[in-house]
């Protein structure tokens, strides 16, 4: 993949995570932060009300990954510490 394509893809992922975070913040009091993105793996850290929440794994794998896969079907989402 060309460097320009990688940079565009990374920018698109950053914007998508920011949109997801805004939704989580508004409706759940939590947040999502992009930690890294490469080799079709995105690492996301949940914060705010999501910290320590027993449903945070469901939020990450269900809602965050589900949303990302609508735009990037090949990407896997992992929790970042």
C-alpha atoms as a PDB file:
ATOM      1  CA  UNK A   1       0.000   0.000   0.000  1.00  0.00           C
ATOM      2  CA  UNK A   2       1.345   3.393  -0.919  1.00  0.00           C
ATOM      3  CA  UNK A   3       2.340   5.808   1.835  1.00  0.00           C
ATOM      4  CA  UNK A   4      -0.359   8.313   0.802  1.00  0.00           C
ATOM      5  CA  UNK A   5      -3.029   5.609   1.008  1.00  0.00           C
ATOM      6  CA  UNK A   6      -1.773   4.559   4.455  1.00  0.00           C
ATOM      7  CA  UNK A   7      -1.903   8.144   5.696  1.00  0.00           C
ATOM      8  CA  UNK A   8      -5.403   8.677   4.303  1.00  0.00           C
ATOM      9  CA  UNK A   9      -6.597   5.428   5.847  1.00  0.00           C
ATOM     10  CA  UNK A  10      -5.092   6.373   9.228  1.00  0.00           C
ATOM     11  CA  UNK A  11      -6.778   9.793   9.052  1.00  0.00           C
ATOM     12  CA  UNK A  12     -10.123   8.192   8.195  1.00  0.00           C
ATOM     13  CA  UNK A  13      -9.759   5.802  11.147  1.00  0.00           C
ATOM     14  CA  UNK A  14      -8.897   8.683  13.507  1.00  0.00           C
ATOM     15  CA  UNK A  15     -11.988  10.607  12.378  1.00  0.00           C
ATOM     16  CA  UNK A  16     -14.191   7.530  12.774  1.00  0.00           C
ATOM     17  CA  UNK A  17     -12.914   6.861  16.312  1.00  0.00           C
ATOM     18  CA  UNK A  18     -13.516  10.519  17.207  1.00  0.00           C
ATOM     19  CA  UNK A  19     -17.121  10.207  15.996  1.00  0.00           C
ATOM     20  CA  UNK A  20     -17.591   6.998  17.960  1.00  0.00           C
ATOM     21  CA  UNK A  21     -16.119   8.657  21.047  1.00  0.00           C
ATOM     22  CA  UNK A  22     -18.447  11.655  20.715  1.00  0.00           C
ATOM     23  CA  UNK A  23     -21.446   9.299  20.633  1.00  0.00           C
ATOM     24  CA  UNK A  24     -20.211   7.258  23.605  1.00  0.00           C
ATOM     25  CA  UNK A  25     -19.539  10.455  25.559  1.00  0.00           C
ATOM     26  CA  UNK A  26     -22.940  11.950  24.844  1.00  0.00           C
ATOM     27  CA  UNK A  27     -25.024   8.861  25.546  1.00  0.00           C
ATOM     28  CA  UNK A  28     -22.945   6.855  28.017  1.00  0.00           C
ATOM     29  CA  UNK A  29     -20.456   9.238  29.622  1.00  0.00           C
ATOM     30  CA  UNK A  30     -17.530   7.229  28.287  1.00  0.00           C
ATOM     31  CA  UNK A  31     -14.934   7.764  25.609  1.00  0.00           C
ATOM     32  CA  UNK A  32     -12.922   5.925  22.968  1.00  0.00           C
ATOM     33  CA  UNK A  33      -9.358   6.818  22.054  1.00  0.00           C
ATOM     34  CA  UNK A  34      -7.346   5.544  19.103  1.00  0.00           C
ATOM     35  CA  UNK A  35      -4.029   4.253  20.421  1.00  0.00           C
ATOM     36  CA  UNK A  36      -2.601   2.651  17.279  1.00  0.00           C
ATOM     37  CA  UNK A  37      -3.597   1.493  13.828  1.00  0.00           C
ATOM     38  CA  UNK A  38      -1.586  -0.740  11.544  1.00  0.00           C
ATOM     39  CA  UNK A  39      -1.638  -4.113   9.821  1.00  0.00           C
ATOM     40  CA  UNK A  40      -5.467  -4.129   9.893  1.00  0.00           C
ATOM     41  CA  UNK A  41      -5.508  -3.953  13.715  1.00  0.00           C
ATOM     42  CA  UNK A  42      -6.772  -0.918  15.583  1.00  0.00           C
ATOM     43  CA  UNK A  43      -6.125  -0.565  19.310  1.00  0.00           C
ATOM     44  CA  UNK A  44      -8.719   1.477  21.165  1.00  0.00           C
ATOM     45  CA  UNK A  45      -8.762   2.551  24.794  1.00  0.00           C
ATOM     46  CA  UNK A  46     -12.134   3.098  26.422  1.00  0.00           C
ATOM     47  CA  UNK A  47     -12.277   5.736  29.149  1.00  0.00           C
ATOM     48  CA  UNK A  48     -14.659   7.796  31.238  1.00  0.00           C
ATOM     49  CA  UNK A  49     -17.674   5.826  32.427  1.00  0.00           C
ATOM     50  CA  UNK A  50     -16.431   2.835  30.385  1.00  0.00           C
ATOM     51  CA  UNK A  51     -13.454   2.396  32.731  1.00  0.00           C
ATOM     52  CA  UNK A  52     -14.181  -0.621  34.873  1.00  0.00           C
ATOM     53  CA  UNK A  53     -17.665  -1.083  33.421  1.00  0.00           C
ATOM     54  CA  UNK A  54     -18.581  -4.768  33.094  1.00  0.00           C
ATOM     55  CA  UNK A  55     -20.057  -4.032  29.649  1.00  0.00           C
ATOM     56  CA  UNK A  56     -16.927  -2.370  28.248  1.00  0.00           C
ATOM     57  CA  UNK A  57     -15.881  -5.544  26.381  1.00  0.00           C
ATOM     58  CA  UNK A  58     -19.307  -5.653  24.743  1.00  0.00           C
ATOM     59  CA  UNK A  59     -19.031  -1.973  23.889  1.00  0.00           C
ATOM     60  CA  UNK A  60     -15.607  -2.492  22.329  1.00  0.00           C
ATOM     61  CA  UNK A  61     -16.276  -5.710  20.423  1.00  0.00           C
ATOM     62  CA  UNK A  62     -19.927  -5.122  19.634  1.00  0.00           C
ATOM     63  CA  UNK A  63     -20.495  -1.449  19.091  1.00  0.00           C
ATOM     64  CA  UNK A  64     -17.024  -0.031  18.341  1.00  0.00           C
ATOM     65  CA  UNK A  65     -15.856  -2.924  16.161  1.00  0.00           C
ATOM     66  CA  UNK A  66     -19.273  -3.209  14.503  1.00  0.00           C
ATOM     67  CA  UNK A  67     -19.164   0.448  13.516  1.00  0.00           C
ATOM     68  CA  UNK A  68     -15.565   0.293  12.316  1.00  0.00           C
ATOM     69  CA  UNK A  69     -16.266  -2.842  10.264  1.00  0.00           C
ATOM     70  CA  UNK A  70     -18.979  -1.009   8.332  1.00  0.00           C
ATOM     71  CA  UNK A  71     -16.200   1.142   6.849  1.00  0.00           C
ATOM     72  CA  UNK A  72     -13.153  -1.113   7.298  1.00  0.00           C
ATOM     73  CA  UNK A  73     -14.436  -4.719   7.127  1.00  0.00           C
ATOM     74  CA  UNK A  74     -10.924  -6.195   7.284  1.00  0.00           C
ATOM     75  CA  UNK A  75      -9.952  -4.433  10.540  1.00  0.00           C
ATOM     76  CA  UNK A  76      -9.895  -6.117  13.944  1.00  0.00           C
ATOM     77  CA  UNK A  77     -10.381  -4.038  17.087  1.00  0.00           C
ATOM     78  CA  UNK A  78      -8.363  -4.761  20.232  1.00  0.00           C
ATOM     79  CA  UNK A  79      -8.433  -3.201  23.669  1.00  0.00           C
ATOM     80  CA  UNK A  80      -5.431  -1.041  24.508  1.00  0.00           C
ATOM     81  CA  UNK A  81      -4.214  -0.633  28.057  1.00  0.00           C
END
